[in-house]
């Protein structure tokens, strides 16, 4: 299967920046898409940004212009550069990989999450 490990979360002041990383470890899986989701207390998990290994990206409107998703295909790693952070960005951020084994069905795999707290 696919194992995902996130890093880079922490405490930052409003207006500050953080860079999240997610490294994927797999054997015979083909990873089609990697994404970042976040979940704040009392709220549903929401998509923040996504990238295909072909380079296509998309963003939630709330982070567009502030966050940038990028990837390193050789390392099976995806990054999320977060600038101009706001208190509303406070959440647990989860890495997601959509992958399949050979011609099997696509499945979602999740990391354990990393806490991002934006506060004065």
C-alpha atoms as a PDB file:
ATOM      1  CA  UNK A   1       0.000   0.000   0.000  1.00  0.00           C
ATOM      2  CA  UNK A   2       0.905   3.672   0.171  1.00  0.00           C
ATOM      3  CA  UNK A   3       2.382   5.250   3.280  1.00  0.00           C
ATOM      4  CA  UNK A   4       2.279   9.041   3.664  1.00  0.00           C
ATOM      5  CA  UNK A   5       4.276  11.090   6.157  1.00  0.00           C
ATOM      6  CA  UNK A   6       3.591  14.809   6.647  1.00  0.00           C
ATOM      7  CA  UNK A   7       5.907  17.347   8.240  1.00  0.00           C
ATOM      8  CA  UNK A   8       6.348  21.094   8.587  1.00  0.00           C
ATOM      9  CA  UNK A   9       3.389  22.095  10.724  1.00  0.00           C
ATOM     10  CA  UNK A  10       3.661  24.314  13.759  1.00  0.00           C
ATOM     11  CA  UNK A  11       2.697  27.583  15.397  1.00  0.00           C
ATOM     12  CA  UNK A  12       2.998  30.782  13.389  1.00  0.00           C
ATOM     13  CA  UNK A  13       1.792  34.369  13.755  1.00  0.00           C
ATOM     14  CA  UNK A  14      -0.755  35.882  11.372  1.00  0.00           C
ATOM     15  CA  UNK A  15       0.968  36.953   8.181  1.00  0.00           C
ATOM     16  CA  UNK A  16       3.672  34.345   8.595  1.00  0.00           C
ATOM     17  CA  UNK A  17       4.620  31.396   6.408  1.00  0.00           C
ATOM     18  CA  UNK A  18       4.993  27.638   6.667  1.00  0.00           C
ATOM     19  CA  UNK A  19       6.008  24.934   4.222  1.00  0.00           C
ATOM     20  CA  UNK A  20       4.431  21.501   4.542  1.00  0.00           C
ATOM     21  CA  UNK A  21       5.944  18.351   3.065  1.00  0.00           C
ATOM     22  CA  UNK A  22       4.430  14.956   2.342  1.00  0.00           C
ATOM     23  CA  UNK A  23       6.574  11.995   1.350  1.00  0.00           C
ATOM     24  CA  UNK A  24       4.923   8.936  -0.179  1.00  0.00           C
ATOM     25  CA  UNK A  25       6.371   5.444   0.106  1.00  0.00           C
ATOM     26  CA  UNK A  26       4.998   2.690  -2.103  1.00  0.00           C
ATOM     27  CA  UNK A  27       5.991  -0.425  -3.996  1.00  0.00           C
ATOM     28  CA  UNK A  28       3.906  -1.177  -7.092  1.00  0.00           C
ATOM     29  CA  UNK A  29       1.297   1.579  -6.842  1.00  0.00           C
ATOM     30  CA  UNK A  30       0.810   4.269  -9.431  1.00  0.00           C
ATOM     31  CA  UNK A  31       0.074   7.623  -7.806  1.00  0.00           C
ATOM     32  CA  UNK A  32      -2.124   9.784  -9.998  1.00  0.00           C
ATOM     33  CA  UNK A  33      -2.851  12.737  -7.720  1.00  0.00           C
ATOM     34  CA  UNK A  34      -1.630  14.143  -4.424  1.00  0.00           C
ATOM     35  CA  UNK A  35      -3.592  16.661  -2.414  1.00  0.00           C
ATOM     36  CA  UNK A  36      -3.718  18.617   0.807  1.00  0.00           C
ATOM     37  CA  UNK A  37      -6.872  18.683   2.904  1.00  0.00           C
ATOM     38  CA  UNK A  38      -7.526  20.386   6.205  1.00  0.00           C
ATOM     39  CA  UNK A  39      -9.983  19.957   9.032  1.00  0.00           C
ATOM     40  CA  UNK A  40     -10.709  22.523  11.724  1.00  0.00           C
ATOM     41  CA  UNK A  41     -12.515  21.624  14.965  1.00  0.00           C
ATOM     42  CA  UNK A  42     -16.233  21.199  14.373  1.00  0.00           C
ATOM     43  CA  UNK A  43     -15.902  21.435  10.607  1.00  0.00           C
ATOM     44  CA  UNK A  44     -15.770  18.978   7.736  1.00  0.00           C
ATOM     45  CA  UNK A  45     -12.555  18.118   5.999  1.00  0.00           C
ATOM     46  CA  UNK A  46     -12.032  20.319   2.952  1.00  0.00           C
ATOM     47  CA  UNK A  47      -9.770  20.244  -0.063  1.00  0.00           C
ATOM     48  CA  UNK A  48      -7.038  22.884   0.035  1.00  0.00           C
ATOM     49  CA  UNK A  49      -4.950  22.116  -3.049  1.00  0.00           C
ATOM     50  CA  UNK A  50      -4.247  19.268  -5.443  1.00  0.00           C
ATOM     51  CA  UNK A  51      -1.631  18.388  -8.023  1.00  0.00           C
ATOM     52  CA  UNK A  52      -1.259  15.649 -10.612  1.00  0.00           C
ATOM     53  CA  UNK A  53       2.131  14.273 -11.553  1.00  0.00           C
ATOM     54  CA  UNK A  54       1.420  15.790 -14.944  1.00  0.00           C
ATOM     55  CA  UNK A  55       1.641  19.177 -13.241  1.00  0.00           C
ATOM     56  CA  UNK A  56      -1.985  20.305 -13.168  1.00  0.00           C
ATOM     57  CA  UNK A  57      -3.031  22.106  -9.983  1.00  0.00           C
ATOM     58  CA  UNK A  58      -6.160  23.463  -8.376  1.00  0.00           C
ATOM     59  CA  UNK A  59      -6.868  25.416  -5.193  1.00  0.00           C
ATOM     60  CA  UNK A  60      -9.679  26.264  -2.863  1.00  0.00           C
ATOM     61  CA  UNK A  61     -10.819  29.851  -3.353  1.00  0.00           C
ATOM     62  CA  UNK A  62      -9.945  30.657   0.249  1.00  0.00           C
ATOM     63  CA  UNK A  63      -6.234  29.975  -0.302  1.00  0.00           C
ATOM     64  CA  UNK A  64      -5.770  30.989  -3.926  1.00  0.00           C
ATOM     65  CA  UNK A  65      -2.971  33.513  -4.248  1.00  0.00           C
ATOM     66  CA  UNK A  66      -1.548  32.642  -0.832  1.00  0.00           C
ATOM     67  CA  UNK A  67      -0.758  28.918  -1.048  1.00  0.00           C
ATOM     68  CA  UNK A  68       1.265  27.071  -3.666  1.00  0.00           C
ATOM     69  CA  UNK A  69       1.328  23.315  -4.173  1.00  0.00           C
ATOM     70  CA  UNK A  70       4.285  21.686  -5.900  1.00  0.00           C
ATOM     71  CA  UNK A  71       5.749  18.241  -6.311  1.00  0.00           C
ATOM     72  CA  UNK A  72       8.927  16.304  -6.918  1.00  0.00           C
ATOM     73  CA  UNK A  73       8.045  13.201  -8.919  1.00  0.00           C
ATOM     74  CA  UNK A  74      11.468  11.632  -8.449  1.00  0.00           C
ATOM     75  CA  UNK A  75      11.064  11.784  -4.672  1.00  0.00           C
ATOM     76  CA  UNK A  76       7.313  11.111  -4.576  1.00  0.00           C
ATOM     77  CA  UNK A  77       6.987  14.210  -2.440  1.00  0.00           C
ATOM     78  CA  UNK A  78       4.468  17.034  -2.477  1.00  0.00           C
ATOM     79  CA  UNK A  79       4.819  20.437  -0.815  1.00  0.00           C
ATOM     80  CA  UNK A  80       2.462  23.161   0.283  1.00  0.00           C
ATOM     81  CA  UNK A  81       3.947  26.629   0.646  1.00  0.00           C
ATOM     82  CA  UNK A  82       1.623  28.718   2.810  1.00  0.00           C
ATOM     83  CA  UNK A  83       2.091  32.480   2.895  1.00  0.00           C
ATOM     84  CA  UNK A  84       0.098  35.307   4.467  1.00  0.00           C
ATOM     85  CA  UNK A  85      -1.392  32.893   6.950  1.00  0.00           C
ATOM     86  CA  UNK A  86      -4.618  33.812   8.719  1.00  0.00           C
ATOM     87  CA  UNK A  87      -6.192  32.509  11.928  1.00  0.00           C
ATOM     88  CA  UNK A  88      -8.850  30.889   9.726  1.00  0.00           C
ATOM     89  CA  UNK A  89      -6.125  28.630   8.312  1.00  0.00           C
ATOM     90  CA  UNK A  90      -5.740  26.909  11.681  1.00  0.00           C
ATOM     91  CA  UNK A  91      -6.464  23.210  11.193  1.00  0.00           C
ATOM     92  CA  UNK A  92      -4.972  19.762  10.946  1.00  0.00           C
ATOM     93  CA  UNK A  93      -3.584  19.390   7.450  1.00  0.00           C
ATOM     94  CA  UNK A  94      -3.732  15.961   5.822  1.00  0.00           C
ATOM     95  CA  UNK A  95      -1.864  14.658   2.821  1.00  0.00           C
ATOM     96  CA  UNK A  96      -3.849  12.520   0.394  1.00  0.00           C
ATOM     97  CA  UNK A  97      -2.673  10.276  -2.417  1.00  0.00           C
ATOM     98  CA  UNK A  98      -4.966   8.761  -5.014  1.00  0.00           C
ATOM     99  CA  UNK A  99      -3.314   5.625  -6.326  1.00  0.00           C
ATOM    100  CA  UNK A 100      -3.911   2.201  -7.810  1.00  0.00           C
ATOM    101  CA  UNK A 101      -2.071  -1.093  -8.055  1.00  0.00           C
ATOM    102  CA  UNK A 102      -1.518  -1.976 -11.708  1.00  0.00           C
ATOM    103  CA  UNK A 103      -4.965  -1.711 -13.361  1.00  0.00           C
ATOM    104  CA  UNK A 104      -6.872  -1.946 -10.105  1.00  0.00           C
ATOM    105  CA  UNK A 105      -9.290   0.696  -8.860  1.00  0.00           C
ATOM    106  CA  UNK A 106      -8.139   4.080  -7.628  1.00  0.00           C
ATOM    107  CA  UNK A 107      -8.119   4.385  -3.846  1.00  0.00           C
ATOM    108  CA  UNK A 108      -7.441   7.221  -1.414  1.00  0.00           C
ATOM    109  CA  UNK A 109      -4.626   7.007   1.112  1.00  0.00           C
ATOM    110  CA  UNK A 110      -4.189   9.429   3.992  1.00  0.00           C
ATOM    111  CA  UNK A 111      -1.385  10.666   6.172  1.00  0.00           C
ATOM    112  CA  UNK A 112      -1.782  11.107   9.916  1.00  0.00           C
ATOM    113  CA  UNK A 113      -1.960  14.883   9.693  1.00  0.00           C
ATOM    114  CA  UNK A 114       0.128  17.814  10.887  1.00  0.00           C
ATOM    115  CA  UNK A 115      -1.187  20.660  13.049  1.00  0.00           C
ATOM    116  CA  UNK A 116      -1.019  24.224  11.767  1.00  0.00           C
ATOM    117  CA  UNK A 117      -1.899  26.929  14.278  1.00  0.00           C
ATOM    118  CA  UNK A 118      -2.029  30.601  13.301  1.00  0.00           C
ATOM    119  CA  UNK A 119      -2.278  32.803  16.375  1.00  0.00           C
ATOM    120  CA  UNK A 120      -0.843  35.917  17.990  1.00  0.00           C
END
